[in-house]
């Protein structure tokens, strides 16, 4: 029987994830974020416009102007915050794990070892699909709080990442050939 050991680890000898060069998200992803915020703003303005149309006397003109100025300032602040936080996001893949960093005010770095990943998915929203972007999501056993989503990737890059992670979590057997999916798919072939 093997004797149990539990030797201390020198934390100075551990690999430093801070030294890993992170790759930024595709700049087209800002368009997706701004489009989503624009939809929210349209809903808010629509709600206030409906209220103004039916209950104009509910607030004085000064209050309506204050609300309008507040909405415009909120929009400008949201755009500035989105652009600044976009440049703080980045990802990297190492031999055994995936890293994703985000956050402007409170910076969060998430590292998920591939041996904890149960499955991987590729997502494309409507605007992302039009811009040739996708997101990759790594699902773990810990539930949604421990899952990792990397948005704003070029579709070809997202497919490569999905294939890489799939092969890491389901390695081919010794006698099976490794299949690498092509990242070049012609649309005419798909729809014929």
C-alpha atoms as a PDB file:
ATOM      1  CA  UNK A   1       0.000   0.000   0.000  1.00  0.00           C
ATOM      2  CA  UNK A   2       1.277   3.478  -0.867  1.00  0.00           C
ATOM      3  CA  UNK A   3       2.002   5.783   1.997  1.00  0.00           C
ATOM      4  CA  UNK A   4       0.019   9.041   1.902  1.00  0.00           C
ATOM      5  CA  UNK A   5       2.114  12.190   1.520  1.00  0.00           C
ATOM      6  CA  UNK A   6       1.063  15.811   1.622  1.00  0.00           C
ATOM      7  CA  UNK A   7       4.201  17.865   1.026  1.00  0.00           C
ATOM      8  CA  UNK A   8       4.072  21.665   1.049  1.00  0.00           C
ATOM      9  CA  UNK A   9       4.235  23.541  -2.251  1.00  0.00           C
ATOM     10  CA  UNK A  10       6.431  26.584  -2.698  1.00  0.00           C
ATOM     11  CA  UNK A  11       4.020  29.114  -4.198  1.00  0.00           C
ATOM     12  CA  UNK A  12       6.918  31.018  -5.762  1.00  0.00           C
ATOM     13  CA  UNK A  13       7.528  27.992  -8.008  1.00  0.00           C
ATOM     14  CA  UNK A  14       3.939  27.891  -9.347  1.00  0.00           C
ATOM     15  CA  UNK A  15       3.385  29.113 -12.919  1.00  0.00           C
ATOM     16  CA  UNK A  16       2.268  32.752 -12.970  1.00  0.00           C
ATOM     17  CA  UNK A  17      -0.913  33.257 -14.971  1.00  0.00           C
ATOM     18  CA  UNK A  18      -0.261  37.009 -14.821  1.00  0.00           C
ATOM     19  CA  UNK A  19       2.709  36.506 -17.145  1.00  0.00           C
ATOM     20  CA  UNK A  20       0.576  34.929 -19.873  1.00  0.00           C
ATOM     21  CA  UNK A  21       0.014  37.244 -22.828  1.00  0.00           C
ATOM     22  CA  UNK A  22      -3.780  37.519 -23.231  1.00  0.00           C
ATOM     23  CA  UNK A  23      -5.365  37.973 -26.623  1.00  0.00           C
ATOM     24  CA  UNK A  24      -7.990  40.723 -26.860  1.00  0.00           C
ATOM     25  CA  UNK A  25     -11.496  40.261 -28.190  1.00  0.00           C
ATOM     26  CA  UNK A  26     -12.269  41.173 -31.782  1.00  0.00           C
ATOM     27  CA  UNK A  27     -12.947  44.931 -32.152  1.00  0.00           C
ATOM     28  CA  UNK A  28     -16.206  44.179 -33.992  1.00  0.00           C
ATOM     29  CA  UNK A  29     -17.604  42.935 -30.676  1.00  0.00           C
ATOM     30  CA  UNK A  30     -18.005  46.555 -29.492  1.00  0.00           C
ATOM     31  CA  UNK A  31     -20.705  46.870 -32.175  1.00  0.00           C
ATOM     32  CA  UNK A  32     -22.586  43.938 -30.640  1.00  0.00           C
ATOM     33  CA  UNK A  33     -22.379  45.459 -27.152  1.00  0.00           C
ATOM     34  CA  UNK A  34     -23.481  48.899 -28.340  1.00  0.00           C
ATOM     35  CA  UNK A  35     -26.361  47.390 -30.324  1.00  0.00           C
ATOM     36  CA  UNK A  36     -27.590  45.571 -27.195  1.00  0.00           C
ATOM     37  CA  UNK A  37     -27.385  48.781 -25.149  1.00  0.00           C
ATOM     38  CA  UNK A  38     -29.188  50.672 -27.911  1.00  0.00           C
ATOM     39  CA  UNK A  39     -32.087  48.225 -27.724  1.00  0.00           C
ATOM     40  CA  UNK A  40     -32.281  48.772 -23.971  1.00  0.00           C
ATOM     41  CA  UNK A  41     -32.202  52.532 -24.463  1.00  0.00           C
ATOM     42  CA  UNK A  42     -34.963  52.376 -27.087  1.00  0.00           C
ATOM     43  CA  UNK A  43     -37.140  50.456 -24.624  1.00  0.00           C
ATOM     44  CA  UNK A  44     -36.497  53.004 -21.862  1.00  0.00           C
ATOM     45  CA  UNK A  45     -37.142  55.982 -24.141  1.00  0.00           C
ATOM     46  CA  UNK A  46     -40.228  54.255 -25.525  1.00  0.00           C
ATOM     47  CA  UNK A  47     -41.551  53.759 -22.004  1.00  0.00           C
ATOM     48  CA  UNK A  48     -40.996  57.391 -21.044  1.00  0.00           C
ATOM     49  CA  UNK A  49     -42.453  58.570 -24.370  1.00  0.00           C
ATOM     50  CA  UNK A  50     -45.589  56.511 -23.767  1.00  0.00           C
ATOM     51  CA  UNK A  51     -45.874  57.901 -20.262  1.00  0.00           C
ATOM     52  CA  UNK A  52     -45.367  61.441 -21.593  1.00  0.00           C
ATOM     53  CA  UNK A  53     -47.992  60.932 -24.320  1.00  0.00           C
ATOM     54  CA  UNK A  54     -50.682  59.591 -21.994  1.00  0.00           C
ATOM     55  CA  UNK A  55     -49.779  61.408 -18.752  1.00  0.00           C
ATOM     56  CA  UNK A  56     -48.076  64.612 -19.836  1.00  0.00           C
ATOM     57  CA  UNK A  57     -49.374  66.351 -16.748  1.00  0.00           C
ATOM     58  CA  UNK A  58     -47.758  63.721 -14.454  1.00  0.00           C
ATOM     59  CA  UNK A  59     -44.506  65.712 -14.366  1.00  0.00           C
ATOM     60  CA  UNK A  60     -43.644  69.322 -14.987  1.00  0.00           C
ATOM     61  CA  UNK A  61     -41.635  70.298 -18.078  1.00  0.00           C
ATOM     62  CA  UNK A  62     -38.541  70.730 -15.890  1.00  0.00           C
ATOM     63  CA  UNK A  63     -38.789  67.141 -14.685  1.00  0.00           C
ATOM     64  CA  UNK A  64     -39.284  65.841 -18.271  1.00  0.00           C
ATOM     65  CA  UNK A  65     -36.181  67.752 -19.418  1.00  0.00           C
ATOM     66  CA  UNK A  66     -34.246  66.399 -16.420  1.00  0.00           C
ATOM     67  CA  UNK A  67     -35.307  62.855 -17.334  1.00  0.00           C
ATOM     68  CA  UNK A  68     -34.230  63.378 -20.962  1.00  0.00           C
ATOM     69  CA  UNK A  69     -30.840  64.804 -19.914  1.00  0.00           C
ATOM     70  CA  UNK A  70     -30.415  61.912 -17.457  1.00  0.00           C
ATOM     71  CA  UNK A  71     -31.081  59.356 -20.193  1.00  0.00           C
ATOM     72  CA  UNK A  72     -28.582  61.036 -22.539  1.00  0.00           C
ATOM     73  CA  UNK A  73     -25.913  61.197 -19.797  1.00  0.00           C
ATOM     74  CA  UNK A  74     -26.577  57.553 -18.915  1.00  0.00           C
ATOM     75  CA  UNK A  75     -26.153  56.583 -22.584  1.00  0.00           C
ATOM     76  CA  UNK A  76     -22.873  58.501 -22.918  1.00  0.00           C
ATOM     77  CA  UNK A  77     -21.576  56.990 -19.664  1.00  0.00           C
ATOM     78  CA  UNK A  78     -22.588  53.508 -20.800  1.00  0.00           C
ATOM     79  CA  UNK A  79     -20.787  53.918 -24.137  1.00  0.00           C
ATOM     80  CA  UNK A  80     -17.605  55.176 -22.439  1.00  0.00           C
ATOM     81  CA  UNK A  81     -17.733  52.400 -19.818  1.00  0.00           C
ATOM     82  CA  UNK A  82     -18.320  49.753 -22.516  1.00  0.00           C
ATOM     83  CA  UNK A  83     -15.362  50.908 -24.601  1.00  0.00           C
ATOM     84  CA  UNK A  84     -13.024  51.126 -21.593  1.00  0.00           C
ATOM     85  CA  UNK A  85     -14.064  47.737 -20.199  1.00  0.00           C
ATOM     86  CA  UNK A  86     -13.792  46.138 -23.655  1.00  0.00           C
ATOM     87  CA  UNK A  87     -10.056  46.822 -23.726  1.00  0.00           C
ATOM     88  CA  UNK A  88      -9.634  45.095 -20.342  1.00  0.00           C
ATOM     89  CA  UNK A  89     -11.031  41.785 -21.617  1.00  0.00           C
ATOM     90  CA  UNK A  90      -8.721  39.065 -22.851  1.00  0.00           C
ATOM     91  CA  UNK A  91      -8.286  35.318 -23.096  1.00  0.00           C
ATOM     92  CA  UNK A  92      -5.587  32.699 -23.479  1.00  0.00           C
ATOM     93  CA  UNK A  93      -5.365  28.941 -23.802  1.00  0.00           C
ATOM     94  CA  UNK A  94      -2.534  27.020 -22.255  1.00  0.00           C
ATOM     95  CA  UNK A  95      -1.709  23.338 -22.369  1.00  0.00           C
ATOM     96  CA  UNK A  96      -3.997  22.452 -19.452  1.00  0.00           C
ATOM     97  CA  UNK A  97      -6.381  25.370 -18.967  1.00  0.00           C
ATOM     98  CA  UNK A  98      -8.259  28.372 -20.354  1.00  0.00           C
ATOM     99  CA  UNK A  99      -7.919  31.904 -18.971  1.00  0.00           C
ATOM    100  CA  UNK A 100     -10.409  34.780 -19.311  1.00  0.00           C
ATOM    101  CA  UNK A 101      -9.933  38.212 -17.768  1.00  0.00           C
ATOM    102  CA  UNK A 102     -12.507  41.004 -17.599  1.00  0.00           C
ATOM    103  CA  UNK A 103     -13.566  43.943 -15.512  1.00  0.00           C
ATOM    104  CA  UNK A 104     -12.851  47.650 -15.421  1.00  0.00           C
ATOM    105  CA  UNK A 105     -13.614  48.511 -11.817  1.00  0.00           C
ATOM    106  CA  UNK A 106     -13.337  45.023 -10.347  1.00  0.00           C
ATOM    107  CA  UNK A 107     -10.988  42.838 -12.385  1.00  0.00           C
ATOM    108  CA  UNK A 108     -11.805  39.127 -12.549  1.00  0.00           C
ATOM    109  CA  UNK A 109      -9.536  36.420 -13.921  1.00  0.00           C
ATOM    110  CA  UNK A 110     -11.118  33.010 -14.421  1.00  0.00           C
ATOM    111  CA  UNK A 111      -8.960  29.951 -15.048  1.00  0.00           C
ATOM    112  CA  UNK A 112     -10.655  26.681 -15.909  1.00  0.00           C
ATOM    113  CA  UNK A 113      -8.600  23.475 -16.187  1.00  0.00           C
ATOM    114  CA  UNK A 114      -9.634  21.347 -19.149  1.00  0.00           C
ATOM    115  CA  UNK A 115     -10.066  18.300 -16.897  1.00  0.00           C
ATOM    116  CA  UNK A 116     -12.986  20.145 -15.196  1.00  0.00           C
ATOM    117  CA  UNK A 117     -14.779  20.938 -18.482  1.00  0.00           C
ATOM    118  CA  UNK A 118     -17.739  18.683 -19.243  1.00  0.00           C
ATOM    119  CA  UNK A 119     -18.672  20.109 -22.628  1.00  0.00           C
ATOM    120  CA  UNK A 120     -18.050  23.083 -24.872  1.00  0.00           C
ATOM    121  CA  UNK A 121     -20.501  25.082 -27.001  1.00  0.00           C
ATOM    122  CA  UNK A 122     -20.250  27.694 -29.724  1.00  0.00           C
ATOM    123  CA  UNK A 123     -22.911  30.452 -29.763  1.00  0.00           C
ATOM    124  CA  UNK A 124     -23.790  33.118 -32.313  1.00  0.00           C
ATOM    125  CA  UNK A 125     -26.397  35.819 -31.791  1.00  0.00           C
ATOM    126  CA  UNK A 126     -28.069  37.646 -34.662  1.00  0.00           C
ATOM    127  CA  UNK A 127     -25.690  40.615 -34.768  1.00  0.00           C
ATOM    128  CA  UNK A 128     -22.658  38.431 -34.025  1.00  0.00           C
ATOM    129  CA  UNK A 129     -23.562  36.153 -36.942  1.00  0.00           C
ATOM    130  CA  UNK A 130     -23.787  39.169 -39.285  1.00  0.00           C
ATOM    131  CA  UNK A 131     -20.335  40.330 -38.135  1.00  0.00           C
ATOM    132  CA  UNK A 132     -18.756  36.854 -38.340  1.00  0.00           C
ATOM    133  CA  UNK A 133     -18.335  36.592 -34.565  1.00  0.00           C
ATOM    134  CA  UNK A 134     -19.132  33.873 -32.051  1.00  0.00           C
ATOM    135  CA  UNK A 135     -18.646  33.020 -28.401  1.00  0.00           C
ATOM    136  CA  UNK A 136     -17.306  29.824 -26.885  1.00  0.00           C
ATOM    137  CA  UNK A 137     -18.693  28.567 -23.591  1.00  0.00           C
ATOM    138  CA  UNK A 138     -16.986  25.998 -21.389  1.00  0.00           C
ATOM    139  CA  UNK A 139     -19.357  24.150 -19.051  1.00  0.00           C
ATOM    140  CA  UNK A 140     -18.072  22.633 -15.828  1.00  0.00           C
ATOM    141  CA  UNK A 141     -19.585  20.433 -13.141  1.00  0.00           C
ATOM    142  CA  UNK A 142     -19.784  23.407 -10.770  1.00  0.00           C
ATOM    143  CA  UNK A 143     -22.831  24.923 -12.447  1.00  0.00           C
ATOM    144  CA  UNK A 144     -23.325  28.284 -14.121  1.00  0.00           C
ATOM    145  CA  UNK A 145     -21.189  30.152 -11.576  1.00  0.00           C
ATOM    146  CA  UNK A 146     -18.097  28.201 -12.632  1.00  0.00           C
ATOM    147  CA  UNK A 147     -18.777  28.162 -16.391  1.00  0.00           C
ATOM    148  CA  UNK A 148     -16.694  30.334 -18.686  1.00  0.00           C
ATOM    149  CA  UNK A 149     -17.888  32.253 -21.737  1.00  0.00           C
ATOM    150  CA  UNK A 150     -15.462  33.959 -24.092  1.00  0.00           C
ATOM    151  CA  UNK A 151     -17.389  36.337 -26.379  1.00  0.00           C
ATOM    152  CA  UNK A 152     -16.249  38.399 -29.335  1.00  0.00           C
ATOM    153  CA  UNK A 153     -14.240  35.773 -31.194  1.00  0.00           C
ATOM    154  CA  UNK A 154     -13.989  35.471 -34.956  1.00  0.00           C
ATOM    155  CA  UNK A 155     -16.058  32.476 -36.022  1.00  0.00           C
ATOM    156  CA  UNK A 156     -13.013  30.650 -37.405  1.00  0.00           C
ATOM    157  CA  UNK A 157     -11.114  31.177 -34.139  1.00  0.00           C
ATOM    158  CA  UNK A 158     -14.138  30.064 -32.100  1.00  0.00           C
ATOM    159  CA  UNK A 159     -14.374  26.852 -34.128  1.00  0.00           C
ATOM    160  CA  UNK A 160     -10.678  26.137 -33.632  1.00  0.00           C
ATOM    161  CA  UNK A 161     -11.007  26.755 -29.877  1.00  0.00           C
ATOM    162  CA  UNK A 162     -14.092  24.543 -29.674  1.00  0.00           C
ATOM    163  CA  UNK A 163     -12.250  21.726 -31.468  1.00  0.00           C
ATOM    164  CA  UNK A 164      -9.172  22.165 -29.259  1.00  0.00           C
ATOM    165  CA  UNK A 165     -11.187  21.998 -26.036  1.00  0.00           C
ATOM    166  CA  UNK A 166     -13.282  19.083 -27.346  1.00  0.00           C
ATOM    167  CA  UNK A 167     -10.113  17.117 -28.041  1.00  0.00           C
ATOM    168  CA  UNK A 168      -8.718  17.997 -24.610  1.00  0.00           C
ATOM    169  CA  UNK A 169     -11.841  16.790 -22.778  1.00  0.00           C
ATOM    170  CA  UNK A 170     -12.416  13.770 -25.070  1.00  0.00           C
ATOM    171  CA  UNK A 171      -8.997  12.693 -26.305  1.00  0.00           C
ATOM    172  CA  UNK A 172      -9.029  10.249 -29.205  1.00  0.00           C
ATOM    173  CA  UNK A 173      -8.276   6.626 -28.448  1.00  0.00           C
ATOM    174  CA  UNK A 174      -4.911   5.209 -29.468  1.00  0.00           C
ATOM    175  CA  UNK A 175      -6.254   3.530 -32.626  1.00  0.00           C
ATOM    176  CA  UNK A 176      -8.497   6.457 -33.721  1.00  0.00           C
ATOM    177  CA  UNK A 177      -7.138   9.085 -36.113  1.00  0.00           C
ATOM    178  CA  UNK A 178      -7.345  12.673 -34.873  1.00  0.00           C
ATOM    179  CA  UNK A 179      -9.906  14.623 -36.855  1.00  0.00           C
ATOM    180  CA  UNK A 180      -9.357  18.337 -37.239  1.00  0.00           C
ATOM    181  CA  UNK A 181     -12.392  20.221 -38.528  1.00  0.00           C
ATOM    182  CA  UNK A 182     -11.852  22.666 -41.322  1.00  0.00           C
ATOM    183  CA  UNK A 183     -12.450  26.294 -40.400  1.00  0.00           C
ATOM    184  CA  UNK A 184     -13.232  27.223 -43.990  1.00  0.00           C
ATOM    185  CA  UNK A 185     -16.836  26.434 -44.774  1.00  0.00           C
ATOM    186  CA  UNK A 186     -18.304  27.707 -47.983  1.00  0.00           C
ATOM    187  CA  UNK A 187     -21.828  29.002 -47.554  1.00  0.00           C
ATOM    188  CA  UNK A 188     -22.850  27.774 -50.992  1.00  0.00           C
ATOM    189  CA  UNK A 189     -22.002  24.212 -49.998  1.00  0.00           C
ATOM    190  CA  UNK A 190     -24.038  24.470 -46.792  1.00  0.00           C
ATOM    191  CA  UNK A 191     -27.187  25.741 -48.455  1.00  0.00           C
ATOM    192  CA  UNK A 192     -27.236  23.725 -51.649  1.00  0.00           C
END
